[in-house]
Protein backbone atom coordinates (compact mmCIF):
# COMPACT_ATOMS: atom_id res chain seq x y z
CA UNK A 1 30.93 -9.34 52.54
CA UNK A 2 27.89 -7.87 54.24
CA UNK A 3 24.52 -7.95 52.47
CA UNK A 4 21.20 -6.62 53.71
CA UNK A 5 19.29 -9.14 51.58
CA UNK A 6 17.83 -12.27 53.13
CA UNK A 7 18.95 -14.60 50.34
CA UNK A 8 21.80 -14.77 47.83
CA UNK A 9 21.07 -14.17 44.15
CA UNK A 10 19.64 -11.07 42.47
CA UNK A 11 17.14 -11.71 39.69
CA UNK A 12 17.46 -9.35 36.72
CA UNK A 13 17.51 -9.43 32.94
CA UNK A 14 21.32 -9.49 32.99
CA UNK A 15 22.10 -8.62 29.36
CA UNK A 16 25.72 -7.47 29.07
CA UNK A 17 28.22 -7.06 26.25
CA UNK A 18 30.81 -9.75 25.64
CA UNK A 19 33.49 -7.15 26.40
CA UNK A 20 31.98 -6.51 29.84
CA UNK A 21 31.77 -10.24 30.53
CA UNK A 22 35.41 -10.79 29.61
CA UNK A 23 36.51 -7.98 31.93
CA UNK A 24 34.64 -9.62 34.82
CA UNK A 25 37.06 -12.57 34.49
CA UNK A 26 34.52 -15.24 35.45
CA UNK A 27 33.89 -18.70 33.89
CA UNK A 28 31.60 -19.16 30.90
CA UNK A 29 29.37 -21.45 32.96
CA UNK A 30 27.54 -18.32 34.16
CA UNK A 31 26.41 -17.45 30.63
CA UNK A 32 22.86 -18.58 29.86
CA UNK A 33 22.93 -17.62 26.20
CA UNK A 34 24.53 -15.35 23.62
CA UNK A 35 22.70 -13.08 21.16
CA UNK A 36 23.85 -11.52 17.89
CA UNK A 37 20.65 -9.64 17.02
CA UNK A 38 18.28 -7.27 18.82
CA UNK A 39 15.13 -5.99 17.12
CA UNK A 40 13.73 -2.60 18.11
CA UNK A 41 9.96 -2.32 17.56
CA UNK A 42 7.69 0.73 17.40
CA UNK A 43 4.19 0.08 16.06
CA UNK A 44 4.73 -1.58 12.66
CA UNK A 45 8.33 -0.39 12.28
CA UNK A 46 11.47 -2.41 13.05
CA UNK A 47 15.17 -1.58 13.37
CA UNK A 48 17.69 -4.43 13.43
CA UNK A 49 20.68 -4.12 15.80
CA UNK A 50 23.70 -6.33 15.13
CA UNK A 51 25.63 -6.87 18.35
CA UNK A 52 27.35 -9.43 20.57
CA UNK A 53 25.69 -9.67 23.97
CA UNK A 54 25.27 -12.33 26.64
CA UNK A 55 22.74 -13.17 29.29
CA UNK A 56 24.59 -13.37 32.63
CA UNK A 57 22.92 -15.63 35.19
CA UNK A 58 23.41 -13.42 38.26
CA UNK A 59 21.61 -15.80 40.60
CA UNK A 60 23.94 -18.64 39.70
CA UNK A 61 26.99 -16.35 39.87
CA UNK A 62 26.14 -14.88 43.28
CA UNK A 63 25.48 -18.34 44.73
CA UNK A 64 28.89 -19.40 43.47
CA UNK A 65 30.50 -16.35 45.08
CA UNK A 66 28.72 -17.09 48.37
CA UNK A 67 30.44 -20.48 48.46
CA UNK A 68 33.88 -18.90 48.13
CA UNK A 69 33.51 -15.72 50.18
CA UNK A 70 32.25 -15.27 53.74
CA UNK A 71 28.89 -13.50 53.44
CA UNK A 72 26.77 -12.23 56.30
CA UNK A 73 23.18 -11.82 55.16
CA UNK A 74 20.53 -9.61 56.80
CA UNK A 75 23.31 -7.17 57.73
CA UNK A 76 22.48 -3.47 57.68
CA UNK A 77 26.00 -2.23 58.39
CA UNK A 78 27.09 1.38 58.85
CA UNK A 79 30.33 2.52 57.23
CA UNK A 80 32.08 4.77 59.72
CA UNK A 81 35.14 5.49 57.55
CA UNK A 82 37.45 3.74 55.08
CA UNK A 83 38.65 1.26 57.71
CA UNK A 84 35.79 0.84 60.20
CA UNK A 85 32.21 -0.34 59.94
CA UNK A 86 29.55 -1.31 62.46
CA UNK A 87 27.36 -4.39 62.15
CA UNK A 88 24.81 -3.74 64.90
CA UNK A 89 27.03 -3.61 67.99
CA UNK A 90 30.03 -5.29 66.36
CA UNK A 91 32.92 -3.04 65.32
CA UNK A 92 34.89 -4.39 62.36
CA UNK A 93 38.20 -2.94 61.21
CA UNK A 94 39.95 -3.38 57.88
CA UNK A 95 40.01 -1.97 54.36
CA UNK A 96 36.38 -1.18 53.50
CA UNK A 97 35.13 -1.35 49.89
CA UNK A 98 31.78 0.40 49.52
CA UNK A 99 29.39 -1.47 47.21
CA UNK A 100 26.23 -0.51 49.06
CA UNK A 101 24.14 0.77 46.15
CA UNK A 102 22.81 4.20 45.26
CA UNK A 103 21.61 6.29 48.22
CA UNK A 104 21.37 9.85 46.84
CA UNK A 105 18.68 11.76 45.00
CA UNK A 106 17.61 10.38 41.67
CA UNK A 107 14.83 9.83 39.19
CA UNK A 108 13.66 6.25 39.52
CA UNK A 109 12.04 3.88 37.07
CA UNK A 110 10.06 0.80 38.00
CA UNK A 111 10.76 -2.56 36.41
CA UNK A 112 8.74 -5.75 36.39
CA UNK A 113 9.71 -8.99 34.71
CA UNK A 114 8.11 -12.41 34.22
CA UNK A 115 9.91 -15.69 33.67
CA UNK A 116 7.62 -17.71 31.41
CA UNK A 117 7.84 -21.00 29.60
CA UNK A 118 10.39 -21.04 26.73
CA UNK A 119 9.69 -19.72 23.25
CA UNK A 120 11.45 -20.61 19.98
CA UNK A 121 13.55 -17.54 19.18
CA UNK A 122 17.20 -16.57 18.83
CA UNK A 123 16.84 -12.79 19.12
CA UNK A 124 16.07 -10.19 21.76
CA UNK A 125 13.02 -8.05 20.99
CA UNK A 126 12.67 -4.55 22.49
CA UNK A 127 9.44 -2.53 22.24
CA UNK A 128 8.85 1.21 22.50
CA UNK A 129 5.56 3.01 23.14
CA UNK A 130 4.86 6.76 23.14
CA UNK A 131 2.74 6.28 26.29
CA UNK A 132 5.72 4.83 28.19
CA UNK A 133 7.94 7.92 28.22
CA UNK A 134 11.57 7.08 28.91
CA UNK A 135 10.84 3.37 29.12
CA UNK A 136 10.69 0.20 27.04
CA UNK A 137 9.76 -3.48 27.23
CA UNK A 138 11.46 -6.69 26.15
CA UNK A 139 11.38 -10.38 25.34
CA UNK A 140 14.57 -12.38 26.02
CA UNK A 141 14.45 -16.11 25.13
CA UNK A 142 16.56 -18.44 27.29
CA UNK A 143 17.09 -22.21 27.15
CA UNK A 144 14.92 -22.79 30.24
CA UNK A 145 12.38 -19.97 29.91
CA UNK A 146 11.64 -16.50 28.59
CA UNK A 147 12.21 -13.14 30.29
CA UNK A 148 9.33 -10.83 29.48
CA UNK A 149 9.34 -7.41 31.12
CA UNK A 150 9.05 -3.65 31.02
CA UNK A 151 10.38 -0.58 32.79
CA UNK A 152 9.03 2.94 33.04
CA UNK A 153 8.18 5.76 35.41
CA UNK A 154 4.55 4.69 35.83
CA UNK A 155 2.84 1.30 35.79
CA UNK A 156 5.30 -0.59 33.55
CA UNK A 157 3.15 -3.73 33.85
CA UNK A 158 0.80 -2.16 31.27
CA UNK A 159 3.54 -2.44 28.65
CA UNK A 160 4.72 -6.01 29.23
CA UNK A 161 4.62 -7.86 25.88
CA UNK A 162 1.96 -10.54 25.70
CA UNK A 163 3.09 -14.03 24.79
CA UNK A 164 0.99 -17.14 25.08
CA UNK A 165 3.15 -18.85 27.69
CA UNK A 166 2.60 -19.78 31.34
CA UNK A 167 4.19 -17.45 33.90
CA UNK A 168 6.63 -19.29 36.18
CA UNK A 169 7.73 -16.42 38.44
CA UNK A 170 7.61 -12.64 38.81
CA UNK A 171 10.29 -10.24 40.04
CA UNK A 172 11.12 -6.56 39.76
CA UNK A 173 12.01 -3.38 41.63
CA UNK A 174 13.22 0.18 41.34
CA UNK A 175 16.15 1.32 39.18
CA UNK A 176 17.79 4.71 39.80
CA UNK A 177 18.84 7.12 37.05
CA UNK A 178 21.30 9.16 39.12
CA UNK A 179 24.02 11.65 38.40
CA UNK A 180 27.47 10.12 39.09
CA UNK A 181 28.96 11.02 42.48
CA UNK A 182 32.39 9.89 43.63
CA UNK A 183 32.60 7.83 46.81
CA UNK A 184 36.01 6.83 48.12
CA UNK A 185 36.71 3.14 47.62
CA UNK A 186 33.29 2.72 46.05
CA UNK A 187 32.24 0.40 43.24
CA UNK A 188 28.95 -0.27 41.49
CA UNK A 189 25.71 1.63 41.91
CA UNK A 190 26.98 3.60 44.92
CA UNK A 191 28.91 5.74 42.40
CA UNK A 192 25.86 6.37 40.23
CA UNK A 193 27.65 4.82 37.24
CA UNK A 194 24.50 3.15 35.92
CA UNK A 195 23.66 3.15 32.23
CA UNK A 196 20.87 5.68 32.26
CA UNK A 197 18.38 4.15 29.86
CA UNK A 198 18.78 0.41 30.46
CA UNK A 199 19.77 0.52 34.13
CA UNK A 200 22.90 -1.57 33.54
CA UNK A 201 25.38 -1.31 36.40
CA UNK A 202 27.59 -4.32 35.64
CA UNK A 203 29.35 -2.37 32.86
CA UNK A 204 30.96 0.12 35.26
CA UNK A 205 31.82 -2.64 37.74
CA UNK A 206 33.76 -4.49 35.06
CA UNK A 207 35.59 -1.29 34.13
CA UNK A 208 36.58 -0.50 37.73
CA UNK A 209 37.62 -3.94 38.97
CA UNK A 210 41.31 -3.33 38.10
CA UNK A 211 41.33 -0.02 39.97
CA UNK A 212 39.67 -1.60 43.01
CA UNK A 213 42.46 -4.19 43.01
CA UNK A 214 44.94 -1.32 43.06
CA UNK A 215 43.27 -0.02 46.21
CA UNK A 216 43.20 -3.43 47.89
CA UNK A 217 46.78 -4.46 47.11
CA UNK A 218 48.58 -1.13 46.79
CA UNK A 219 46.24 1.30 48.61
CA UNK A 220 46.50 3.55 45.55
CA UNK A 221 43.25 5.35 44.70
CA UNK A 222 44.47 7.62 41.90
CA UNK A 223 43.57 5.28 39.02
CA UNK A 224 40.18 4.58 40.64
CA UNK A 225 39.32 8.27 40.65
CA UNK A 226 40.60 8.69 37.10
CA UNK A 227 38.47 5.80 35.81
CA UNK A 228 35.44 7.19 37.66
CA UNK A 229 35.86 10.56 35.93
CA UNK A 230 36.12 8.85 32.54
CA UNK A 231 32.95 6.78 33.09
CA UNK A 232 31.15 9.72 34.68
CA UNK A 233 31.46 11.72 31.45
CA UNK A 234 29.74 8.97 29.48
CA UNK A 235 26.92 8.50 32.02
CA UNK A 236 26.39 12.28 32.15
CA UNK A 237 26.13 12.40 28.34
CA UNK A 238 23.57 9.59 28.47
CA UNK A 239 21.57 11.54 31.05
CA UNK A 240 21.48 14.70 28.93
CA UNK A 241 20.43 12.76 25.82
CA UNK A 242 17.62 11.03 27.71
CA UNK A 243 16.41 14.29 29.26
CA UNK A 244 16.12 15.88 25.81
CA UNK A 245 14.55 12.77 24.26
CA UNK A 246 11.91 12.54 27.00
CA UNK A 247 10.73 16.08 26.25
CA UNK A 248 9.87 15.00 22.69
CA UNK A 249 9.34 11.28 23.34
CA UNK A 250 6.52 10.55 20.89
CA UNK A 251 8.04 12.71 18.15
CA UNK A 252 11.51 11.20 18.68
CA UNK A 253 10.13 7.67 18.32
CA UNK A 254 8.14 8.58 15.22
CA UNK A 255 11.02 10.32 13.43
CA UNK A 256 13.71 7.84 14.44
CA UNK A 257 11.78 4.73 13.50
CA UNK A 258 10.41 6.24 10.29
CA UNK A 259 13.89 7.12 9.01
CA UNK A 260 15.61 3.95 10.25
CA UNK A 261 12.78 1.51 9.58
CA UNK A 262 14.13 -1.67 7.99
CA UNK A 263 17.76 -0.63 8.46
CA UNK A 264 20.51 -2.50 10.30
CA UNK A 265 22.70 -0.76 12.86
CA UNK A 266 25.80 -2.10 14.58
CA UNK A 267 26.24 -1.92 18.34
CA UNK A 268 29.64 -3.16 19.49
CA UNK A 269 31.10 -0.74 22.01
CA UNK A 270 27.91 1.28 21.50
CA UNK A 271 25.98 -1.28 23.57
CA UNK A 272 27.76 0.09 26.65
CA UNK A 273 28.42 3.60 25.36
CA UNK A 274 24.81 4.65 24.73
CA UNK A 275 25.75 8.19 23.78
CA UNK A 276 27.98 6.85 21.00
CA UNK A 277 25.11 4.70 19.70
CA UNK A 278 22.81 7.73 19.59
CA UNK A 279 25.41 9.89 17.83
CA UNK A 280 26.07 7.26 15.18
CA UNK A 281 22.33 6.64 14.71
CA UNK A 282 21.82 10.37 14.16
CA UNK A 283 24.54 10.30 11.51
CA UNK A 284 22.63 7.50 9.78
CA UNK A 285 19.50 9.68 9.85
CA UNK A 286 21.35 12.71 8.47
CA UNK A 287 22.79 10.63 5.62
């Protein structure tokens, strides 16, 4: 494995569905905590989301992987084709799996997150603001600290929730909102299969792991392409919904939270399939 980073372990919020976690086929020791409830907040209005999600400790997981796989850090390799890559002057031959991240055109959001001292809570809290178009902020309590952050197109740090706890560390970066594009033997963000609103890329990785295995052991790419097309439809639907919502952001928040204020919604498969969550929420509004 070649990685351009200097150290192993990506810091992120890491909230995934239990279904996604189970498809990753990794030990439970990499789960920091499970959550059954998420509260959506807009001004004085609240919507309760019943779900089953986990906080995946990606830093711990990636360090574990680095102990079991040969990793070359600080490597800015060039993929020549499906069987050759160059690492500076070194030519390496073999079956190449492309997990290099998104490189095409895209709208980008900025994210910033603090790890603070722990708080006493068992729920995830998500906050919306009409000034932060297409973005949101969050509080995620963990056993050893609290993740407090925000994402948006402009200055997300203005929307970070304020809690009276000492900041232990700060991290963040850019998150693409791309249109899916097929890349042979690709997996992860390089395919643009990123949940448009939340920036979650682990979902599509978990879905495509079996088809990557098909490529590695059988050199059969047909199922990989088929799964990409299936996931691409969902991500494209999410993109269209977000584009429309952003045009009427303040109005959408006002109407949605006014009608659903105090109600409880379920998000099982909908946690990954955002378009399904929106469609079912709209049905609740219409009823």
